[in-house]
N, C-alpha and C. Protein backbone atom coordinates (compact mmCIF):
# COMPACT_ATOMS: atom_id res chain seq x y z
N UNK A 1 -62.36 55.83 10.73
CA UNK A 1 -63.28 54.97 10.64
C UNK A 1 -63.74 54.62 9.64
N UNK A 2 -64.21 53.40 9.24
CA UNK A 2 -64.28 52.96 7.61
C UNK A 2 -65.66 53.26 7.07
N UNK A 3 -65.95 54.20 5.85
CA UNK A 3 -66.78 54.67 5.47
C UNK A 3 -68.17 53.00 5.61
N UNK A 4 -68.21 52.08 5.20
CA UNK A 4 -68.38 50.71 4.65
C UNK A 4 -69.21 51.45 5.69
N UNK A 5 -68.89 51.12 7.11
CA UNK A 5 -69.60 50.78 8.37
C UNK A 5 -70.78 51.89 8.54
N UNK A 6 -70.81 52.92 7.49
CA UNK A 6 -72.07 54.08 7.71
C UNK A 6 -73.22 53.55 6.68
N UNK A 7 -74.47 53.18 7.16
CA UNK A 7 -75.41 53.62 6.37
C UNK A 7 -75.60 54.28 5.48
N UNK A 8 -76.14 54.26 4.20
CA UNK A 8 -76.92 55.20 3.49
C UNK A 8 -77.37 56.50 4.03
N UNK A 9 -77.19 57.45 3.93
CA UNK A 9 -77.52 58.79 4.29
C UNK A 9 -79.24 58.82 4.42
N UNK A 10 -79.91 58.39 3.50
CA UNK A 10 -81.10 58.69 3.36
C UNK A 10 -81.66 57.92 4.04
N UNK A 11 -80.93 56.68 4.31
CA UNK A 11 -81.72 55.69 5.58
C UNK A 11 -81.62 56.59 6.70
N UNK A 12 -80.37 57.04 6.99
CA UNK A 12 -80.40 57.75 8.18
C UNK A 12 -81.59 58.83 8.68
N UNK A 13 -81.35 59.50 7.46
CA UNK A 13 -82.22 60.61 7.49
C UNK A 13 -83.80 60.11 7.86
N UNK A 14 -83.91 59.12 7.15
CA UNK A 14 -85.01 58.74 7.26
C UNK A 14 -85.95 58.38 8.69
N UNK A 15 -84.73 57.56 9.45
CA UNK A 15 -85.04 56.84 10.74
C UNK A 15 -84.84 58.20 11.43
N UNK A 16 -84.23 58.91 11.08
CA UNK A 16 -84.26 60.16 12.46
C UNK A 16 -85.68 60.96 12.33
N UNK A 17 -86.36 61.27 10.93
CA UNK A 17 -87.47 62.09 10.72
C UNK A 17 -88.64 60.95 11.59
N UNK A 18 -88.39 59.35 10.99
CA UNK A 18 -89.42 58.65 11.48
C UNK A 18 -89.67 59.02 13.14
N UNK A 19 -88.28 58.73 13.83
CA UNK A 19 -88.32 58.95 15.07
C UNK A 19 -88.91 60.27 15.89
N UNK A 20 -88.24 61.55 15.15
CA UNK A 20 -88.92 62.55 16.01
C UNK A 20 -89.66 63.28 15.33
N UNK A 21 -90.29 62.72 14.50
CA UNK A 21 -91.63 62.96 13.82
C UNK A 21 -92.76 62.08 15.32
N UNK A 22 -92.30 61.37 15.60
CA UNK A 22 -93.27 60.52 16.50
C UNK A 22 -92.92 61.14 17.93
N UNK A 23 -91.81 61.80 18.09
CA UNK A 23 -91.38 62.57 19.48
C UNK A 23 -92.09 63.90 19.40
N UNK A 24 -92.31 64.04 18.71
CA UNK A 24 -92.57 65.59 18.45
C UNK A 24 -94.14 66.14 19.69
N UNK A 25 -94.79 65.14 19.44
CA UNK A 25 -96.14 65.53 19.99
C UNK A 25 -95.97 65.38 21.92
N UNK A 26 -94.83 64.31 22.09
CA UNK A 26 -94.65 63.99 23.87
C UNK A 26 -94.12 64.91 24.49
N UNK A 27 -93.83 64.66 25.62
CA UNK A 27 -93.37 65.93 26.54
C UNK A 27 -91.81 65.41 27.18
N UNK A 28 -91.29 64.39 26.28
CA UNK A 28 -90.11 63.36 26.68
C UNK A 28 -88.91 64.41 26.54
N UNK A 29 -87.96 64.98 27.32
CA UNK A 29 -86.62 66.39 27.45
C UNK A 29 -86.05 65.16 25.92
N UNK A 30 -85.35 65.83 25.44
CA UNK A 30 -84.46 65.27 24.19
C UNK A 30 -83.49 65.72 24.46
N UNK A 31 -82.94 66.61 25.22
CA UNK A 31 -81.36 67.20 25.16
C UNK A 31 -80.18 66.38 26.16
N UNK A 32 -79.04 66.25 26.03
CA UNK A 32 -78.61 66.12 26.71
C UNK A 32 -76.99 66.99 27.18
N UNK A 33 -77.80 68.53 27.34
CA UNK A 33 -76.67 69.23 28.17
C UNK A 33 -77.62 70.73 28.31
N UNK A 34 -77.28 71.41 28.49
CA UNK A 34 -77.81 72.51 29.08
C UNK A 34 -77.27 73.92 28.20
N UNK A 35 -77.44 73.29 27.01
CA UNK A 35 -76.60 74.36 25.73
C UNK A 35 -76.59 75.90 26.24
N UNK A 36 -78.13 76.00 26.45
CA UNK A 36 -78.53 77.19 26.04
C UNK A 36 -77.99 78.16 27.32
N UNK A 37 -78.28 77.89 28.65
CA UNK A 37 -77.69 78.54 29.35
C UNK A 37 -76.71 78.95 29.76
N UNK A 38 -75.53 78.00 29.09
CA UNK A 38 -74.04 78.15 29.23
C UNK A 38 -73.65 78.90 27.79
N UNK A 39 -74.24 78.86 26.79
CA UNK A 39 -74.06 79.97 26.21
C UNK A 39 -74.67 81.41 26.26
N UNK A 40 -75.51 81.34 27.01
CA UNK A 40 -76.08 82.90 27.67
C UNK A 40 -76.55 84.22 26.47
N UNK A 41 -77.03 83.94 25.71
CA UNK A 41 -77.22 85.27 24.50
C UNK A 41 -77.89 86.19 24.91
N UNK A 42 -77.45 87.48 24.82
CA UNK A 42 -77.87 88.61 24.95
C UNK A 42 -78.41 89.60 24.44
N UNK A 43 -79.06 90.20 24.86
CA UNK A 43 -79.74 91.48 24.16
C UNK A 43 -78.97 91.65 23.00
N UNK A 44 -79.75 91.80 21.82
CA UNK A 44 -79.16 92.24 20.41
C UNK A 44 -78.92 91.22 19.85
N UNK A 45 -78.16 90.10 20.47
CA UNK A 45 -77.52 89.02 19.60
C UNK A 45 -78.61 88.24 18.58
N UNK A 46 -77.64 87.72 17.80
CA UNK A 46 -78.41 86.68 16.53
C UNK A 46 -78.23 85.30 17.42
N UNK A 47 -79.27 84.45 17.37
CA UNK A 47 -78.89 83.33 18.19
C UNK A 47 -79.66 81.71 17.12
N UNK A 48 -78.80 80.82 16.88
CA UNK A 48 -79.26 80.01 16.02
C UNK A 48 -79.01 78.52 17.01
N UNK A 49 -80.39 77.88 16.55
CA UNK A 49 -79.94 76.18 17.24
C UNK A 49 -80.03 75.12 16.46
N UNK A 50 -79.50 74.27 16.13
CA UNK A 50 -79.16 73.18 15.40
C UNK A 50 -79.91 72.32 16.09
N UNK A 51 -80.88 72.00 15.37
CA UNK A 51 -81.54 70.09 16.30
C UNK A 51 -82.51 71.38 17.10
N UNK A 52 -83.06 71.96 16.69
CA UNK A 52 -84.19 72.75 17.64
C UNK A 52 -85.33 71.80 18.17
N UNK A 53 -85.84 70.84 17.60
CA UNK A 53 -86.80 70.11 17.91
C UNK A 53 -87.99 70.97 18.34
N UNK A 54 -88.81 70.56 19.24
CA UNK A 54 -89.86 71.51 19.55
C UNK A 54 -90.00 73.10 19.44
N UNK A 55 -88.36 73.61 19.94
CA UNK A 55 -88.34 74.88 19.51
C UNK A 55 -87.72 75.60 20.97
N UNK A 56 -88.38 74.87 21.86
CA UNK A 56 -88.58 75.84 23.42
C UNK A 56 -87.08 76.20 23.62
N UNK A 57 -85.76 76.19 23.04
CA UNK A 57 -84.58 76.88 23.54
C UNK A 57 -84.57 77.95 22.62
N UNK A 58 -85.17 77.85 21.50
CA UNK A 58 -85.27 79.05 20.44
C UNK A 58 -86.41 80.14 21.02
N UNK A 59 -87.87 79.53 21.57
CA UNK A 59 -88.34 80.76 21.86
C UNK A 59 -87.70 81.36 23.17
N UNK A 60 -86.73 80.63 24.22
CA UNK A 60 -86.73 80.90 24.87
C UNK A 60 -85.44 82.36 24.73
N UNK A 61 -84.53 81.60 23.61
CA UNK A 61 -83.45 82.57 23.35
C UNK A 61 -83.94 83.95 22.57
N UNK A 62 -85.36 83.71 22.21
CA UNK A 62 -86.09 84.94 21.65
C UNK A 62 -86.55 86.22 22.59
N UNK A 63 -86.73 85.52 23.50
CA UNK A 63 -86.81 86.54 24.84
C UNK A 63 -85.56 87.35 25.53
N UNK A 64 -84.46 86.23 25.50
CA UNK A 64 -83.20 87.15 25.91
C UNK A 64 -82.36 88.23 25.31
N UNK A 65 -82.51 87.76 23.58
CA UNK A 65 -82.12 88.56 22.60
C UNK A 65 -83.09 89.81 22.44
N UNK A 66 -84.13 89.79 22.93
CA UNK A 66 -84.95 90.99 22.50
C UNK A 66 -85.34 91.15 21.35
N UNK A 67 -86.19 92.19 21.04
CA UNK A 67 -86.37 92.55 19.38
C UNK A 67 -85.29 92.90 18.68
N UNK A 68 -84.43 93.54 19.22
CA UNK A 68 -83.26 93.70 18.57
C UNK A 68 -82.78 92.95 17.65
N UNK A 69 -82.72 91.99 18.46
CA UNK A 69 -81.98 90.50 18.17
C UNK A 69 -82.78 89.34 17.44
N UNK A 70 -82.29 88.23 17.22
CA UNK A 70 -83.19 87.19 16.41
C UNK A 70 -82.97 86.04 17.14
N UNK A 71 -84.06 84.88 16.98
CA UNK A 71 -83.60 83.20 17.53
C UNK A 71 -84.10 82.54 15.82
N UNK A 72 -83.09 81.59 15.70
CA UNK A 72 -83.35 80.97 14.42
C UNK A 72 -83.36 79.50 14.84
N UNK A 73 -84.21 78.45 14.42
CA UNK A 73 -84.16 76.97 14.76
C UNK A 73 -83.88 76.25 13.59
N UNK A 74 -83.27 75.26 13.57
CA UNK A 74 -82.73 74.47 12.43
C UNK A 74 -83.39 73.25 12.73
N UNK A 75 -84.00 72.51 11.50
CA UNK A 75 -84.00 71.30 12.31
C UNK A 75 -84.62 70.12 10.92
N UNK A 76 -84.38 69.04 10.92
CA UNK A 76 -85.36 68.03 9.71
C UNK A 76 -86.06 67.70 9.42
N UNK A 77 -86.96 67.09 10.96
CA UNK A 77 -88.22 67.18 11.12
C UNK A 77 -89.21 67.60 10.79
N UNK A 78 -90.14 67.42 10.22
CA UNK A 78 -91.46 68.15 9.57
C UNK A 78 -92.11 68.26 11.15
N UNK A 79 -91.99 67.12 11.66
CA UNK A 79 -93.15 66.74 12.75
C UNK A 79 -92.86 67.66 14.04
N UNK A 80 -91.46 68.00 14.09
CA UNK A 80 -90.92 69.12 15.20
C UNK A 80 -91.20 70.03 14.92
N UNK A 81 -90.93 70.69 13.42
CA UNK A 81 -91.01 71.83 13.08
C UNK A 81 -92.53 72.40 13.04
N UNK A 82 -93.22 71.63 12.71
CA UNK A 82 -94.69 71.96 12.83
C UNK A 82 -94.88 72.48 14.35
N UNK A 83 -94.07 71.62 15.86
CA UNK A 83 -94.88 71.83 16.63
C UNK A 83 -94.19 73.03 17.10
N UNK A 84 -93.21 73.26 16.53
CA UNK A 84 -92.12 74.53 17.13
C UNK A 84 -93.13 75.79 16.64
N UNK A 85 -93.19 75.60 15.21
CA UNK A 85 -94.14 76.87 14.61
C UNK A 85 -95.43 77.15 15.62
N UNK A 86 -95.96 76.18 15.92
CA UNK A 86 -97.30 76.63 16.59
C UNK A 86 -96.95 76.84 18.16
N UNK A 87 -95.64 76.41 18.80
CA UNK A 87 -95.58 76.91 19.60
C UNK A 87 -95.13 78.32 20.18
N UNK A 88 -94.98 79.08 19.05
CA UNK A 88 -94.24 80.13 19.13
C UNK A 88 -95.44 81.58 19.54
N UNK A 89 -95.05 82.06 20.82
CA UNK A 89 -96.08 83.22 21.24
C UNK A 89 -96.11 84.22 20.09
N UNK A 90 -97.37 84.79 19.79
CA UNK A 90 -98.13 85.77 18.87
C UNK A 90 -97.15 86.98 19.25
N UNK A 91 -96.75 87.26 20.23
CA UNK A 91 -95.78 88.81 20.34
C UNK A 91 -94.73 88.31 20.16
N UNK A 92 -93.99 87.13 20.05
CA UNK A 92 -92.77 86.79 19.49
C UNK A 92 -92.44 86.85 17.95
N UNK A 93 -91.62 88.40 17.39
CA UNK A 93 -91.60 88.36 16.06
C UNK A 93 -90.13 88.69 15.79
N UNK A 94 -89.40 87.74 16.25
CA UNK A 94 -88.00 87.73 16.23
C UNK A 94 -87.36 86.13 15.87
N UNK A 95 -88.30 85.08 15.56
CA UNK A 95 -88.11 84.05 15.65
C UNK A 95 -88.59 83.43 14.33
N UNK A 96 -87.93 82.47 13.71
CA UNK A 96 -88.39 81.42 12.45
C UNK A 96 -87.34 80.37 12.65
N UNK A 97 -88.25 79.52 11.79
CA UNK A 97 -87.87 78.09 12.06
C UNK A 97 -86.92 77.50 9.92
N UNK A 98 -86.53 76.62 10.45
CA UNK A 98 -86.09 76.53 8.98
C UNK A 98 -85.90 74.85 8.79
N UNK A 99 -85.93 74.51 7.59
CA UNK A 99 -85.41 72.91 7.66
C UNK A 99 -84.74 73.00 6.77
N UNK A 100 -83.22 72.20 7.09
CA UNK A 100 -82.04 71.88 6.08
C UNK A 100 -81.68 71.07 7.14
N UNK A 101 -80.24 70.78 6.19
CA UNK A 101 -79.37 69.55 7.04
C UNK A 101 -78.49 70.32 7.67
N UNK A 102 -77.91 69.54 8.30
CA UNK A 102 -76.88 70.23 9.12
C UNK A 102 -75.34 70.63 9.07
N UNK A 103 -75.44 69.94 7.43
CA UNK A 103 -73.89 69.79 6.91
C UNK A 103 -74.21 70.71 5.45
N UNK A 104 -75.44 71.47 5.46
CA UNK A 104 -75.45 72.72 4.76
C UNK A 104 -76.79 73.98 5.11
N UNK A 105 -76.40 74.22 6.34
CA UNK A 105 -76.96 75.36 6.77
C UNK A 105 -77.81 76.16 5.81
N UNK A 106 -78.78 76.63 5.29
CA UNK A 106 -79.59 77.63 4.73
C UNK A 106 -79.21 79.24 5.59
N UNK A 107 -78.07 79.51 5.96
CA UNK A 107 -77.45 80.99 6.43
C UNK A 107 -76.94 81.41 5.69
N UNK A 108 -76.65 82.59 5.67
CA UNK A 108 -75.67 83.25 5.40
C UNK A 108 -74.68 83.68 5.82
N UNK A 109 -73.24 83.55 5.33
CA UNK A 109 -72.15 83.73 6.00
C UNK A 109 -71.99 84.64 7.38
N UNK A 110 -71.35 84.69 8.59
CA UNK A 110 -71.45 85.31 9.67
C UNK A 110 -72.54 85.92 10.05
N UNK A 111 -73.66 85.09 9.87
CA UNK A 111 -74.85 85.28 10.52
C UNK A 111 -75.21 85.90 11.70
N UNK A 112 -74.78 84.89 12.68
CA UNK A 112 -75.09 84.38 13.57
C UNK A 112 -74.01 84.89 15.14
N UNK A 113 -74.17 85.79 16.26
CA UNK A 113 -73.48 85.79 17.03
C UNK A 113 -72.95 84.54 17.93
N UNK A 114 -74.02 83.74 18.30
CA UNK A 114 -74.12 82.52 19.40
C UNK A 114 -75.22 81.51 18.54
N UNK A 115 -74.47 80.31 18.81
CA UNK A 115 -75.05 78.96 18.28
C UNK A 115 -75.19 77.89 19.06
N UNK A 116 -76.25 77.03 19.61
CA UNK A 116 -76.37 75.90 20.09
C UNK A 116 -76.72 74.66 19.47
N UNK A 117 -76.33 73.59 19.92
CA UNK A 117 -76.94 72.32 19.81
C UNK A 117 -76.72 71.28 20.97
N UNK A 118 -77.98 70.69 20.64
CA UNK A 118 -78.59 69.57 21.80
C UNK A 118 -78.39 68.52 21.42
N UNK A 119 -77.72 67.38 21.80
CA UNK A 119 -77.62 65.88 21.38
C UNK A 119 -78.18 65.61 19.73
N UNK A 120 -77.63 66.64 18.65
CA UNK A 120 -77.96 66.57 17.61
C UNK A 120 -76.70 66.09 16.51
N UNK A 121 -75.46 66.58 16.34
CA UNK A 121 -74.26 66.54 15.56
C UNK A 121 -74.33 65.50 15.57
N UNK A 122 -74.51 64.10 16.71
CA UNK A 122 -74.30 62.64 16.49
C UNK A 122 -74.99 62.38 15.88
N UNK A 123 -76.18 62.70 14.91
CA UNK A 123 -76.95 61.75 13.82
C UNK A 123 -76.25 62.37 12.29
N UNK A 124 -75.24 63.20 12.42
CA UNK A 124 -74.68 63.68 11.27
C UNK A 124 -73.37 62.42 10.93
N UNK A 125 -73.77 62.38 9.70
CA UNK A 125 -72.14 61.65 8.99
C UNK A 125 -70.94 62.10 9.15
N UNK A 126 -71.17 63.35 8.77
CA UNK A 126 -69.57 64.35 8.52
C UNK A 126 -70.16 65.14 9.78
N UNK A 127 -69.45 65.22 10.49
CA UNK A 127 -69.16 65.93 11.90
C UNK A 127 -68.40 67.22 11.63
N UNK A 128 -67.04 67.24 10.68
CA UNK A 128 -66.34 68.41 9.93
C UNK A 128 -67.08 68.92 9.50
N UNK A 129 -67.87 68.30 8.32
CA UNK A 129 -68.81 69.20 7.84
C UNK A 129 -69.90 70.10 8.35
N UNK A 130 -70.27 70.01 9.40
CA UNK A 130 -71.23 70.16 10.28
C UNK A 130 -70.44 71.33 11.14
N UNK A 131 -69.05 71.44 11.53
CA UNK A 131 -68.43 72.30 12.24
C UNK A 131 -67.68 73.49 10.87
N UNK A 132 -67.71 73.00 10.14
CA UNK A 132 -67.02 73.90 8.99
C UNK A 132 -68.50 74.62 8.71
N UNK A 133 -69.53 74.48 8.76
CA UNK A 133 -70.90 75.33 8.80
C UNK A 133 -71.23 76.23 9.72
N UNK A 134 -70.76 75.51 11.17
CA UNK A 134 -70.99 76.35 12.13
C UNK A 134 -70.18 77.12 12.62
N UNK A 135 -68.64 77.21 12.27
CA UNK A 135 -67.45 78.28 11.82
C UNK A 135 -67.76 79.18 10.36
N UNK A 136 -68.67 78.87 9.59
CA UNK A 136 -68.82 79.73 8.11
C UNK A 136 -70.30 80.48 8.84
N UNK A 137 -70.59 80.29 9.49
CA UNK A 137 -72.19 81.18 9.80
C UNK A 137 -71.81 81.97 11.01
N UNK A 138 -70.99 81.68 11.74
CA UNK A 138 -70.55 82.47 13.38
C UNK A 138 -69.95 83.83 12.60
N UNK A 139 -70.00 85.04 12.86
CA UNK A 139 -69.56 86.11 12.97
C UNK A 139 -68.07 86.21 13.93
N UNK A 140 -66.92 87.08 13.33
CA UNK A 140 -65.62 86.89 14.12
C UNK A 140 -65.96 87.26 15.57
N UNK A 141 -65.31 86.59 16.68
CA UNK A 141 -66.19 86.58 17.90
C UNK A 141 -67.06 85.77 18.80
N UNK A 142 -67.57 85.34 17.49
CA UNK A 142 -69.30 84.57 17.79
C UNK A 142 -68.50 83.43 18.48
N UNK A 143 -69.73 82.87 19.03
CA UNK A 143 -69.37 81.61 20.20
C UNK A 143 -70.30 80.62 19.62
N UNK A 144 -69.80 79.46 20.01
CA UNK A 144 -71.13 78.14 19.76
C UNK A 144 -70.77 77.21 21.27
N UNK A 145 -72.03 76.60 21.96
CA UNK A 145 -71.66 75.80 22.79
C UNK A 145 -72.67 74.62 22.43
N UNK A 146 -72.14 73.56 22.71
CA UNK A 146 -72.81 72.28 21.82
C UNK A 146 -72.76 71.27 22.88
N UNK A 147 -74.20 70.37 23.17
CA UNK A 147 -73.98 69.44 24.31
C UNK A 147 -74.06 67.96 23.07
N UNK A 148 -73.46 67.13 23.01
CA UNK A 148 -73.72 65.74 22.21
C UNK A 148 -73.11 64.60 22.89
N UNK A 149 -73.49 63.42 22.26
CA UNK A 149 -73.20 62.05 22.33
C UNK A 149 -71.80 61.84 21.78
N UNK A 150 -70.97 61.02 22.62
CA UNK A 150 -69.43 60.55 22.17
C UNK A 150 -69.38 59.19 22.68
N UNK A 151 -68.88 58.12 21.50
CA UNK A 151 -68.94 57.11 22.08
C UNK A 151 -67.13 57.10 23.27
N UNK A 152 -67.34 56.12 24.41
CA UNK A 152 -66.19 55.59 24.95
C UNK A 152 -64.82 55.11 23.71
N UNK A 153 -65.36 54.17 23.19
CA UNK A 153 -64.63 53.69 21.96
C UNK A 153 -64.90 53.72 20.70
N UNK A 154 -64.23 53.38 19.51
CA UNK A 154 -64.49 53.33 18.33
C UNK A 154 -65.67 52.33 18.42
N UNK A 155 -67.44 52.61 17.75
CA UNK A 155 -68.23 51.23 17.60
C UNK A 155 -68.02 50.77 16.87
N UNK A 156 -68.99 49.27 17.16
CA UNK A 156 -68.49 48.08 16.28
C UNK A 156 -69.38 48.52 14.55
N UNK A 157 -69.16 47.97 13.75
CA UNK A 157 -69.55 47.85 12.53
C UNK A 157 -71.18 47.45 12.59
N UNK A 158 -71.77 46.94 13.28
CA UNK A 158 -72.89 46.27 13.75
C UNK A 158 -74.10 47.60 14.03
N UNK A 159 -73.11 48.57 14.79
CA UNK A 159 -73.78 49.76 15.49
C UNK A 159 -73.93 50.56 14.49
N UNK A 160 -72.60 50.92 14.01
CA UNK A 160 -72.46 52.28 12.83
C UNK A 160 -73.05 51.83 11.81
N UNK A 161 -73.71 50.44 11.37
CA UNK A 161 -74.24 50.43 10.13
C UNK A 161 -75.91 50.49 10.18
N UNK A 162 -76.18 50.53 11.56
CA UNK A 162 -78.07 50.50 12.06
C UNK A 162 -78.42 51.89 12.42
N UNK A 163 -79.09 52.20 11.23
CA UNK A 163 -80.16 53.71 11.01
C UNK A 163 -80.72 53.58 11.84
N UNK A 164 -81.01 52.70 12.45
CA UNK A 164 -81.86 52.85 14.02
C UNK A 164 -80.92 53.60 15.18
N UNK A 165 -79.68 52.81 14.97
CA UNK A 165 -79.18 53.57 16.48
C UNK A 165 -78.25 54.66 16.11
N UNK A 166 -78.48 55.29 14.83
CA UNK A 166 -78.08 56.57 14.57
C UNK A 166 -79.51 57.64 15.07
N UNK A 167 -80.37 57.11 14.93
CA UNK A 167 -81.49 57.91 15.15
C UNK A 167 -82.15 57.88 16.50
N UNK A 168 -81.27 56.25 17.54
CA UNK A 168 -81.20 57.12 18.64
C UNK A 168 -80.37 57.58 19.40
N UNK A 169 -79.45 58.16 18.86
CA UNK A 169 -78.39 59.00 19.45
C UNK A 169 -77.41 58.36 19.74
N UNK A 170 -77.00 57.14 19.33
CA UNK A 170 -75.69 56.71 19.46
C UNK A 170 -75.06 55.57 18.37
N UNK A 171 -75.70 55.36 17.61
CA UNK A 171 -75.09 54.94 16.14
C UNK A 171 -73.96 55.56 15.76
N UNK A 172 -74.35 56.98 15.48
CA UNK A 172 -73.29 58.09 15.12
C UNK A 172 -72.56 58.80 15.61
N UNK A 173 -72.11 58.29 17.32
CA UNK A 173 -71.28 58.68 17.81
C UNK A 173 -69.95 58.18 17.71
N UNK A 174 -68.94 59.43 17.82
CA UNK A 174 -67.60 59.27 17.62
C UNK A 174 -66.67 59.39 18.93
N UNK A 175 -65.71 59.12 18.79
CA UNK A 175 -65.04 59.18 19.95
C UNK A 175 -64.53 60.61 20.38
N UNK A 176 -64.16 61.13 21.55
CA UNK A 176 -64.10 62.57 22.35
C UNK A 176 -62.73 62.80 20.97
N UNK A 177 -61.49 62.54 21.03
CA UNK A 177 -60.42 62.82 20.26
C UNK A 177 -60.62 63.38 18.86
N UNK A 178 -61.11 61.82 18.36
CA UNK A 178 -61.87 62.24 16.83
C UNK A 178 -63.38 63.53 16.90
N UNK A 179 -63.65 64.08 17.78
CA UNK A 179 -64.83 64.65 17.71
C UNK A 179 -64.05 66.30 17.82
N UNK A 180 -63.27 66.25 18.65
CA UNK A 180 -62.14 67.54 19.09
C UNK A 180 -61.60 68.04 17.87
N UNK A 181 -61.05 66.65 17.29
CA UNK A 181 -60.04 67.20 16.18
C UNK A 181 -61.06 67.40 14.43
N UNK A 182 -62.33 66.91 14.83
CA UNK A 182 -63.32 67.63 13.68
C UNK A 182 -63.85 69.52 13.74
N UNK A 183 -63.71 69.39 15.31
CA UNK A 183 -63.79 71.23 15.15
C UNK A 183 -63.02 71.53 15.21
N UNK A 184 -61.39 71.40 15.30
CA UNK A 184 -60.37 72.15 15.56
C UNK A 184 -59.83 72.21 13.74
N UNK A 185 -60.22 71.05 13.20
CA UNK A 185 -60.15 71.37 11.48
C UNK A 185 -60.95 72.45 11.09
N UNK A 186 -61.99 72.62 11.54
CA UNK A 186 -62.98 73.56 11.04
C UNK A 186 -62.82 74.42 11.06
N UNK A 187 -61.69 75.09 11.76
CA UNK A 187 -61.59 76.70 12.23
C UNK A 187 -61.08 77.09 13.66
N UNK A 188 -61.54 76.65 14.08
CA UNK A 188 -61.64 76.89 15.89
C UNK A 188 -60.66 76.54 16.69
N UNK A 189 -60.19 77.57 16.71
CA UNK A 189 -58.55 77.64 17.68
C UNK A 189 -58.81 77.62 19.26
N UNK A 190 -60.07 78.16 19.87
CA UNK A 190 -60.38 78.38 21.18
C UNK A 190 -61.21 77.35 21.56
N UNK A 191 -61.25 76.20 22.10
CA UNK A 191 -62.01 75.09 22.39
C UNK A 191 -62.09 74.75 23.84
N UNK A 192 -63.01 74.55 24.66
CA UNK A 192 -62.90 73.76 26.16
C UNK A 192 -64.17 73.38 25.84
N UNK A 193 -63.77 72.06 26.92
CA UNK A 193 -64.74 71.31 27.65
C UNK A 193 -65.86 71.72 28.71
N UNK A 194 -66.82 72.04 28.70
CA UNK A 194 -67.21 72.58 30.42
C UNK A 194 -68.05 71.41 30.41
N UNK A 195 -68.47 70.86 30.74
CA UNK A 195 -68.93 69.19 31.38
C UNK A 195 -68.83 67.79 30.74
N UNK A 196 -68.56 66.85 30.94
CA UNK A 196 -67.94 65.57 30.44
C UNK A 196 -69.10 64.84 31.66
N UNK A 197 -70.00 63.69 30.95
CA UNK A 197 -70.71 63.04 32.12
C UNK A 197 -69.81 61.49 32.67
N UNK A 198 -70.14 61.08 33.59
CA UNK A 198 -69.54 59.56 33.09
C UNK A 198 -70.18 58.40 32.22
N UNK A 199 -69.40 57.43 31.91
CA UNK A 199 -69.97 57.04 31.14
C UNK A 199 -71.55 56.00 31.05
N UNK A 200 -72.07 56.17 30.18
CA UNK A 200 -73.42 55.16 30.43
C UNK A 200 -73.74 54.23 28.70
N UNK A 201 -74.28 53.08 29.51
CA UNK A 201 -74.71 52.27 28.54
C UNK A 201 -75.81 53.29 27.56
N UNK A 202 -75.73 52.90 26.37
CA UNK A 202 -76.80 53.35 25.17
C UNK A 202 -76.66 52.07 24.25
N UNK A 203 -77.75 51.22 24.21
CA UNK A 203 -78.10 50.01 23.53
C UNK A 203 -77.00 49.30 23.65
N UNK A 204 -75.77 48.75 23.08
CA UNK A 204 -74.98 47.94 23.64
C UNK A 204 -73.80 48.59 23.57
N UNK A 205 -73.49 49.66 23.41
CA UNK A 205 -71.96 50.62 24.01
C UNK A 205 -72.19 51.40 24.74
N UNK A 206 -71.15 52.11 25.49
CA UNK A 206 -70.76 52.79 26.20
C UNK A 206 -70.78 54.22 25.30
N UNK A 207 -71.25 55.31 26.00
CA UNK A 207 -70.94 56.30 25.86
C UNK A 207 -71.13 57.70 26.86
N UNK A 208 -70.69 58.94 26.16
CA UNK A 208 -70.79 60.10 27.09
C UNK A 208 -71.59 61.16 26.82
N UNK A 209 -71.83 62.10 27.60
CA UNK A 209 -72.35 63.34 27.44
C UNK A 209 -71.67 64.16 27.10
N UNK A 210 -71.09 64.76 26.45
CA UNK A 210 -70.04 66.50 26.58
C UNK A 210 -70.42 67.64 26.00
N UNK A 211 -69.92 68.41 27.17
CA UNK A 211 -70.84 69.90 26.33
C UNK A 211 -69.14 70.69 26.61
N UNK A 212 -69.23 71.14 25.10
CA UNK A 212 -68.05 72.14 24.59
C UNK A 212 -68.67 73.76 23.93
N UNK A 213 -67.19 74.62 24.59
CA UNK A 213 -67.47 75.74 24.09
C UNK A 213 -66.45 76.46 23.27
N UNK A 214 -66.63 77.12 21.87
CA UNK A 214 -66.00 77.11 20.84
C UNK A 214 -65.65 78.69 20.61
N UNK A 215 -64.79 79.48 20.60
CA UNK A 215 -64.93 80.63 19.97
C UNK A 215 -64.52 81.07 18.29
N UNK A 216 -64.70 81.66 17.87
CA UNK A 216 -64.48 82.06 16.36
C UNK A 216 -63.56 83.57 16.15
N UNK A 217 -62.59 83.25 16.63
CA UNK A 217 -61.28 84.05 16.95
C UNK A 217 -61.44 85.28 15.46
N UNK A 218 -61.02 86.27 15.61
CA UNK A 218 -61.14 87.52 14.75
C UNK A 218 -60.30 86.71 13.36
N UNK A 219 -59.11 86.21 14.15
CA UNK A 219 -57.80 85.94 13.22
C UNK A 219 -58.46 84.84 12.36
N UNK A 220 -59.29 84.54 12.89
CA UNK A 220 -59.65 83.00 11.80
C UNK A 220 -60.81 83.17 10.72
N UNK A 221 -61.54 84.46 10.85
CA UNK A 221 -62.44 84.69 10.20
C UNK A 221 -62.49 84.29 8.46
N UNK A 222 -61.17 84.61 8.17
CA UNK A 222 -60.79 84.36 6.76
C UNK A 222 -60.90 82.81 6.00
N UNK A 223 -60.71 82.01 7.33
CA UNK A 223 -60.94 80.06 7.05
C UNK A 223 -62.37 79.76 6.55
N UNK A 224 -63.42 80.88 7.06
CA UNK A 224 -64.49 80.39 6.40
C UNK A 224 -65.13 80.53 5.14
C-alpha cells in the first residue's frame, strides 16, 4: 500500500485525540467486539488493554484478576485517560493507566499474560509495529484477543489520506490478508479468527469487524 496515501502521523494523532477527547464524556459504545470476555483474564494474571478509552474493560478485568494480578490501560487520548482514572473505584488498587503510542508501549518485556484491544489498532499507521510490541510485552504462553476494523478492499487514496477518516475508525483499515500477515510477521504462529462480521458501510467504503485470538508460544519467545 503506497505510503504516499497515508497522511502525516501527527495529523492522524491530532484527529484521533480531538475525536476521542470529545467522546470521553458521552456514553456511546466505542468497541467493535467483545474482546475482554473472549480473552477471559483469570485470577493472578496481568492484563493489558490497548486503546482503553474510558477504562471500563480495565476496571472489569481488575476485578477478575484480583489483588494478586494487575490491569493496565493504554491510550493516547488525554480526555479518555482522565475519565478512566476518575472511574476507578477506591477499593481497586491493581489498576493503572498509561499514555503512550501503540507502536512503542511503555511496558517491560514479557510483562503481560493477556492483552486485548477493541477497535483501536486500525488507528495505527504501522500495524506490524503494534503487533511486534504486543509480541514483546506478552509472556511466553500469553495470549491476545483483538477486535478491529478491516477493509473489504484496499482503500482509495482519498480515504487513506484523510485524518478524519482515520479518527472515525476506517481510514486506517487494511484488508484481512494484509492484517493477518502483520500479525504473523510479528512472530505469532497460532492465530485464529473468532468472529467476522458481515460487510457494512463506513464513510464511503465497505469494512468488517474482525476478532482474532493469538498465542505467544514458548518456542517463539526469543523472537521478541
